[in-house]
C-alpha atoms as a PDB file:
ATOM      1  CA  MET A   1       0.000   0.000   0.000  1.00  0.00           C
ATOM      2  CA  GLY A   2       1.287   3.448  -0.893  1.00  0.00           C
ATOM      3  CA  ASP A   3       4.213   2.272  -3.034  1.00  0.00           C
ATOM      4  CA  GLU A   4       2.299   2.775  -6.263  1.00  0.00           C
ATOM      5  CA  LEU A   5       2.844   6.141  -7.975  1.00  0.00           C
ATOM      6  CA  VAL A   6      -0.063   7.986  -9.575  1.00  0.00           C
ATOM      7  CA  GLU A   7      -0.181  11.052 -11.796  1.00  0.00           C
ATOM      8  CA  VAL A   8      -1.440  14.268 -10.215  1.00  0.00           C
ATOM      9  CA  ALA A   9      -0.401  16.704 -12.949  1.00  0.00           C
ATOM     10  CA  PHE A  10       0.543  16.679 -16.628  1.00  0.00           C
ATOM     11  CA  VAL A  11       2.507  19.714 -17.820  1.00  0.00           C
ATOM     12  CA  ALA A  12       4.209  20.968 -20.962  1.00  0.00           C
ATOM     13  CA  ASP A  13       7.785  21.242 -19.732  1.00  0.00           C
ATOM     14  CA  GLU A  14      10.358  20.621 -17.024  1.00  0.00           C
ATOM     15  CA  VAL A  15      10.028  24.078 -15.473  1.00  0.00           C
ATOM     16  CA  GLU A  16       6.298  23.711 -14.793  1.00  0.00           C
ATOM     17  CA  ALA A  17       6.872  20.260 -13.322  1.00  0.00           C
ATOM     18  CA  ALA A  18       9.587  21.631 -11.028  1.00  0.00           C
ATOM     19  CA  MET A  19       7.250  24.396  -9.830  1.00  0.00           C
ATOM     20  CA  ILE A  20       4.551  21.842  -8.991  1.00  0.00           C
ATOM     21  CA  GLN A  21       7.111  19.649  -7.231  1.00  0.00           C
ATOM     22  CA  ALA A  22       8.258  22.624  -5.143  1.00  0.00           C
ATOM     23  CA  LEU A  23       4.658  23.372  -4.131  1.00  0.00           C
ATOM     24  CA  LEU A  24       4.084  19.751  -3.143  1.00  0.00           C
ATOM     25  CA  GLU A  25       7.404  19.550  -1.288  1.00  0.00           C
ATOM     26  CA  GLU A  26       6.511  22.697   0.645  1.00  0.00           C
ATOM     27  CA  SER A  27       3.455  20.842   1.968  1.00  0.00           C
ATOM     28  CA  GLY A  28       5.466  17.728   2.789  1.00  0.00           C
ATOM     29  CA  ILE A  29       4.296  15.624  -0.157  1.00  0.00           C
ATOM     30  CA  PRO A  30       7.203  13.839  -1.875  1.00  0.00           C
ATOM     31  CA  SER A  31       6.919  13.708  -5.665  1.00  0.00           C
ATOM     32  CA  MET A  32       8.832  12.944  -8.813  1.00  0.00           C
ATOM     33  CA  GLN A  33       8.525  13.904 -12.455  1.00  0.00           C
ATOM     34  CA  GLN A  34       8.691  11.651 -15.462  1.00  0.00           C
ATOM     35  CA  GLN A  35       9.269  12.748 -19.035  1.00  0.00           C
ATOM     36  CA  VAL A  36       6.564  11.449 -21.371  1.00  0.00           C
ATOM     37  CA  GLY A  37       7.290  13.335 -24.586  1.00  0.00           C
ATOM     38  CA  PRO A  38      10.410  14.175 -26.575  1.00  0.00           C
ATOM     39  CA  SER A  39      12.178  17.404 -25.776  1.00  0.00           C
ATOM     40  CA  GLY A  40      13.462  19.942 -28.270  1.00  0.00           C
ATOM     41  CA  ARG A  41      17.041  18.927 -27.489  1.00  0.00           C
ATOM     42  CA  GLN A  42      16.299  15.292 -28.287  1.00  0.00           C
ATOM     43  CA  LEU A  43      14.820  16.224 -31.652  1.00  0.00           C
ATOM     44  CA  GLY A  44      17.534  18.782 -32.433  1.00  0.00           C
ATOM     45  CA  SER A  45      15.045  21.640 -32.473  1.00  0.00           C
ATOM     46  CA  VAL A  46      15.093  24.764 -30.346  1.00  0.00           C
ATOM     47  CA  LEU A  47      11.495  25.558 -31.300  1.00  0.00           C
ATOM     48  CA  LEU A  48      10.018  22.796 -29.154  1.00  0.00           C
ATOM     49  CA  SER A  49       9.596  22.914 -25.404  1.00  0.00           C
ATOM     50  CA  PRO A  50      12.988  22.611 -23.702  1.00  0.00           C
ATOM     51  CA  GLY A  51      12.194  19.704 -21.409  1.00  0.00           C
ATOM     52  CA  GLY A  52       9.414  17.809 -23.145  1.00  0.00           C
ATOM     53  CA  SER A  53       6.013  17.103 -21.610  1.00  0.00           C
ATOM     54  CA  ARG A  54       6.111  15.627 -18.119  1.00  0.00           C
ATOM     55  CA  GLN A  55       3.866  14.079 -15.541  1.00  0.00           C
ATOM     56  CA  VAL A  56       4.197  14.692 -11.817  1.00  0.00           C
ATOM     57  CA  LEU A  57       3.777  11.553  -9.745  1.00  0.00           C
ATOM     58  CA  VAL A  58       3.083  11.038  -6.022  1.00  0.00           C
ATOM     59  CA  HIS A  59       2.399   7.991  -3.833  1.00  0.00           C
ATOM     60  CA  ALA A  60      -1.167   6.769  -4.236  1.00  0.00           C
ATOM     61  CA  HIS A  61      -2.100   7.390  -0.592  1.00  0.00           C
ATOM     62  CA  ARG A  62      -1.107  11.092  -0.939  1.00  0.00           C
ATOM     63  CA  ALA A  63      -2.736  11.668  -4.369  1.00  0.00           C
ATOM     64  CA  GLY A  64      -5.991  13.153  -3.046  1.00  0.00           C
ATOM     65  CA  GLU A  65      -4.133  15.583  -0.817  1.00  0.00           C
ATOM     66  CA  ALA A  66      -1.805  16.581  -3.681  1.00  0.00           C
ATOM     67  CA  ARG A  67      -4.677  17.126  -6.128  1.00  0.00           C
ATOM     68  CA  ALA A  68      -6.556  19.266  -3.588  1.00  0.00           C
ATOM     69  CA  LEU A  69      -3.425  21.353  -2.986  1.00  0.00           C
ATOM     70  CA  LEU A  70      -2.902  21.864  -6.731  1.00  0.00           C
ATOM     71  CA  ALA A  71      -6.575  22.768  -7.215  1.00  0.00           C
ATOM     72  CA  ASP A  72      -6.345  25.398  -4.457  1.00  0.00           C
ATOM     73  CA  ALA A  73      -3.140  26.807  -5.953  1.00  0.00           C
ATOM     74  CA  THR A  74      -4.778  26.999  -9.387  1.00  0.00           C
ATOM     75  CA  LEU A  75      -7.820  28.847  -8.049  1.00  0.00           C
ATOM     76  CA  GLU A  76      -5.617  31.341  -6.191  1.00  0.00           C
ATOM     77  CA  GLY A  77      -3.541  31.929  -9.330  1.00  0.00           C
ATOM     78  CA  GLU A  78      -6.552  32.759 -11.515  1.00  0.00           C
ATOM     79  CA  GLN A  79      -6.692  36.480 -10.947  1.00  0.00           C
ATOM     80  CA  GLU A  80      -7.543  39.134 -13.446  1.00  0.00           C
ATOM     81  CA  ALA A  81      -4.472  40.757 -14.889  1.00  0.00           C
ATOM     82  CA  PRO A  82      -3.993  44.393 -13.902  1.00  0.00           C
ATOM     83  CA  GLU A  83      -4.453  47.051 -16.532  1.00  0.00           C
ATOM     84  CA  SER A  84      -1.246  47.897 -18.307  1.00  0.00           C
ATOM     85  CA  VAL A  85       0.296  51.219 -17.370  1.00  0.00           C
ATOM     86  CA  ASN A  86       0.293  52.312 -20.997  1.00  0.00           C
ATOM     87  CA  ALA A  87      -3.133  50.904 -21.903  1.00  0.00           C
ATOM     88  CA  ARG A  88      -4.930  54.235 -21.594  1.00  0.00           C
ATOM     89  CA  TYR A  89      -2.199  56.061 -23.503  1.00  0.00           C
ATOM     90  CA  LEU A  90      -2.285  53.476 -26.306  1.00  0.00           C
ATOM     91  CA  GLU A  91      -6.078  53.753 -26.584  1.00  0.00           C
ATOM     92  CA  GLU A  92      -5.847  57.547 -26.839  1.00  0.00           C
ATOM     93  CA  ALA A  93      -3.048  57.406 -29.408  1.00  0.00           C
ATOM     94  CA  GLY A  94      -5.291  55.491 -31.799  1.00  0.00           C
ATOM     95  CA  GLY A  95      -4.086  54.762 -35.355  1.00  0.00           C
ATOM     96  CA  GLY A  96      -0.446  54.314 -36.054  1.00  0.00           C
ATOM     97  CA  ARG A  97       1.360  51.183 -36.976  1.00  0.00           C
ATOM     98  CA  GLY A  98       0.594  48.062 -34.967  1.00  0.00           C
ATOM     99  CA  PRO A  99       3.226  45.713 -33.584  1.00  0.00           C
ATOM    100  CA  ARG A 100       5.244  43.738 -36.094  1.00  0.00           C
ATOM    101  CA  ASN A 101       4.735  40.019 -36.271  1.00  0.00           C
ATOM    102  CA  TYR A 102       7.175  38.391 -38.652  1.00  0.00           C
ATOM    103  CA  GLY A 103       7.002  34.858 -37.302  1.00  0.00           C
ATOM    104  CA  VAL A 104      10.001  32.547 -37.296  1.00  0.00           C
ATOM    105  CA  ILE A 105      10.497  32.360 -41.068  1.00  0.00           C
ATOM    106  CA  GLY A 106      10.108  36.116 -41.466  1.00  0.00           C
ATOM    107  CA  ALA A 107      12.682  36.725 -38.749  1.00  0.00           C
ATOM    108  CA  TYR A 108      15.204  34.470 -40.498  1.00  0.00           C
ATOM    109  CA  VAL A 109      14.550  36.139 -43.873  1.00  0.00           C
ATOM    110  CA  ARG A 110      14.933  39.592 -42.328  1.00  0.00           C
ATOM    111  CA  THR A 111      18.195  38.567 -40.612  1.00  0.00           C
ATOM    112  CA  PHE A 112      19.534  37.116 -43.868  1.00  0.00           C
ATOM    113  CA  ALA A 113      18.634  40.285 -45.811  1.00  0.00           C
ATOM    114  CA  VAL A 114      20.333  42.535 -43.264  1.00  0.00           C
ATOM    115  CA  SER A 115      23.429  40.290 -43.341  1.00  0.00           C
ATOM    116  CA  VAL A 116      23.621  40.510 -47.147  1.00  0.00           C
ATOM    117  CA  VAL A 117      23.387  44.324 -47.050  1.00  0.00           C
ATOM    118  CA  VAL A 118      26.086  44.558 -44.370  1.00  0.00           C
ATOM    119  CA  MET A 119      28.400  42.229 -46.317  1.00  0.00           C
ATOM    120  CA  ALA A 120      27.852  44.277 -49.494  1.00  0.00           C
ATOM    121  CA  LEU A 121      28.802  47.458 -47.641  1.00  0.00           C
ATOM    122  CA  VAL A 122      31.908  45.838 -46.126  1.00  0.00           C
ATOM    123  CA  CYS A 123      33.008  44.512 -49.524  1.00  0.00           C
ATOM    124  CA  GLY A 124      32.391  47.906 -51.131  1.00  0.00           C
ATOM    125  CA  VAL A 125      34.522  49.683 -48.538  1.00  0.00           C
ATOM    126  CA  TRP A 126      37.245  47.045 -48.863  1.00  0.00           C
ATOM    127  CA  PHE A 127      37.367  47.418 -52.678  1.00  0.00           C
ATOM    128  CA  LEU A 128      37.388  51.219 -52.307  1.00  0.00           C
ATOM    129  CA  PHE A 129      40.425  51.171 -50.003  1.00  0.00           C
ATOM    130  CA  ARG A 130      42.166  48.554 -52.113  1.00  0.00           C
ATOM    131  CA  ALA A 131      41.836  50.764 -55.213  1.00  0.00           C
ATOM    132  CA  LEU A 132      43.539  53.668 -53.435  1.00  0.00           C
END
């Protein structure tokens, strides 16, 4: 009895699992996390979650207590976000250009284009000084 581990939370990455473990540990509930999905490092991609999806496990006899603690923590954390300091100013400003959203591909294309322009300028200056 009590040696069996049961899942009390399923989260997207290692950081979230560590936060849940810290909350449980603070209340005296021992826990562990287990990776259940591949991480970005395992797939060679920095675009995926750094630690892969994880489940937080506790002993079966402490599962109800752990779930209640996590439910209370979730309810306390669901507060309305405060109004941004600049929200009123931005509403009054109206019009104008909105925020840029290039996405990942657009960011790479923009970086490549800037690099080509910089290299062209460097080569032009180098040829200019070489001709003198």
